Amino acid sequence: MSVLVGLGAATLLSAFFSHLAVWALAPFVAGVSYLLTESLEAAMAERVLVSAGDPEAQEVSD
């Protein structure tokens, strides 16, 4: 999911802007989008594990 968000962000950026700077900006936008989505996925997974009662899970809201 996070890879698709990163690729989608870079694709949308290139669709709206046709300037040469998009070649430099698109990888940055893709990377930031990927990292934010990956962090959100990991936090949501930990919350699911905590609510399921997994003793190995860490609470992410502390």
C-alpha atoms as a PDB file:
ATOM      1  CA  MET A   1       0.000   0.000   0.000  1.00  0.00           C
ATOM      2  CA  SER A   2       2.721   2.467   0.942  1.00  0.00           C
ATOM      3  CA  VAL A   3       4.607   1.844  -2.306  1.00  0.00           C
ATOM      4  CA  LEU A   4       1.462   2.605  -4.289  1.00  0.00           C
ATOM      5  CA  VAL A   5       0.956   5.850  -2.361  1.00  0.00           C
ATOM      6  CA  GLY A   6       4.531   6.906  -3.117  1.00  0.00           C
ATOM      7  CA  LEU A   7       4.216   6.099  -6.795  1.00  0.00           C
ATOM      8  CA  GLY A   8       0.815   7.753  -6.959  1.00  0.00           C
ATOM      9  CA  ALA A   9       2.139  10.933  -5.378  1.00  0.00           C
ATOM     10  CA  ALA A  10       4.992  11.122  -7.888  1.00  0.00           C
ATOM     11  CA  THR A  11       2.613  10.406 -10.769  1.00  0.00           C
ATOM     12  CA  LEU A  12       0.150  13.075  -9.656  1.00  0.00           C
ATOM     13  CA  LEU A  13       2.972  15.572  -9.297  1.00  0.00           C
ATOM     14  CA  SER A  14       4.142  14.883 -12.837  1.00  0.00           C
ATOM     15  CA  ALA A  15       0.573  15.094 -14.142  1.00  0.00           C
ATOM     16  CA  PHE A  16      -0.005  18.561 -12.713  1.00  0.00           C
ATOM     17  CA  PHE A  17       3.433  20.060 -13.394  1.00  0.00           C
ATOM     18  CA  SER A  18       5.519  19.738 -16.536  1.00  0.00           C
ATOM     19  CA  HIS A  19       8.521  21.756 -15.437  1.00  0.00           C
ATOM     20  CA  LEU A  20      11.995  20.207 -15.391  1.00  0.00           C
ATOM     21  CA  ALA A  21      12.088  20.562 -11.582  1.00  0.00           C
ATOM     22  CA  VAL A  22       9.569  17.707 -11.312  1.00  0.00           C
ATOM     23  CA  TRP A  23      12.427  15.304 -12.066  1.00  0.00           C
ATOM     24  CA  ALA A  24      14.111  16.471  -8.855  1.00  0.00           C
ATOM     25  CA  LEU A  25      10.983  16.896  -6.759  1.00  0.00           C
ATOM     26  CA  ALA A  26       9.106  13.682  -7.636  1.00  0.00           C
ATOM     27  CA  PRO A  27      11.531  11.283  -5.879  1.00  0.00           C
ATOM     28  CA  PHE A  28      11.411  13.421  -2.740  1.00  0.00           C
ATOM     29  CA  VAL A  29       7.602  13.511  -2.747  1.00  0.00           C
ATOM     30  CA  ALA A  30       7.455   9.775  -3.403  1.00  0.00           C
ATOM     31  CA  GLY A  31       9.871   9.056  -0.562  1.00  0.00           C
ATOM     32  CA  VAL A  32       8.069  11.237   1.961  1.00  0.00           C
ATOM     33  CA  SER A  33       4.695   9.809   0.969  1.00  0.00           C
ATOM     34  CA  TYR A  34       6.060   6.284   1.290  1.00  0.00           C
ATOM     35  CA  LEU A  35       7.537   6.916   4.741  1.00  0.00           C
ATOM     36  CA  LEU A  36       4.394   8.564   6.092  1.00  0.00           C
ATOM     37  CA  THR A  37       2.162   5.784   4.805  1.00  0.00           C
ATOM     38  CA  GLU A  38       4.501   3.057   6.080  1.00  0.00           C
ATOM     39  CA  SER A  39       4.571   4.651   9.534  1.00  0.00           C
ATOM     40  CA  LEU A  40       0.795   4.893   9.582  1.00  0.00           C
ATOM     41  CA  GLU A  41       0.479   1.234   8.552  1.00  0.00           C
ATOM     42  CA  ALA A  42       2.872   0.133  11.305  1.00  0.00           C
ATOM     43  CA  ALA A  43       1.050   2.180  13.948  1.00  0.00           C
ATOM     44  CA  MET A  44      -2.311   0.784  12.889  1.00  0.00           C
ATOM     45  CA  ALA A  45      -0.945  -2.779  12.963  1.00  0.00           C
ATOM     46  CA  GLU A  46       0.394  -2.295  16.491  1.00  0.00           C
ATOM     47  CA  ARG A  47      -2.970  -0.922  17.638  1.00  0.00           C
ATOM     48  CA  VAL A  48      -4.715  -3.976  16.205  1.00  0.00           C
ATOM     49  CA  LEU A  49      -2.275  -6.280  17.985  1.00  0.00           C
ATOM     50  CA  VAL A  50      -2.687  -4.413  21.293  1.00  0.00           C
ATOM     51  CA  SER A  51      -6.470  -4.552  21.052  1.00  0.00           C
ATOM     52  CA  ALA A  52      -6.263  -8.293  20.274  1.00  0.00           C
ATOM     53  CA  GLY A  53      -4.339  -8.814  23.502  1.00  0.00           C
ATOM     54  CA  ASP A  54      -0.942  -9.717  22.070  1.00  0.00           C
ATOM     55  CA  PRO A  55       1.602  -9.522  24.931  1.00  0.00           C
ATOM     56  CA  GLU A  56       4.439  -8.791  22.460  1.00  0.00           C
ATOM     57  CA  ALA A  57       2.737  -5.709  20.986  1.00  0.00           C
ATOM     58  CA  GLN A  58       3.813  -2.181  21.961  1.00  0.00           C
ATOM     59  CA  GLU A  59       1.321   0.584  22.630  1.00  0.00           C
ATOM     60  CA  VAL A  60       1.897   3.325  20.059  1.00  0.00           C
ATOM     61  CA  SER A  61      -0.060   6.108  21.742  1.00  0.00           C
ATOM     62  CA  ASP A  62       2.295   6.490  24.715  1.00  0.00           C
END
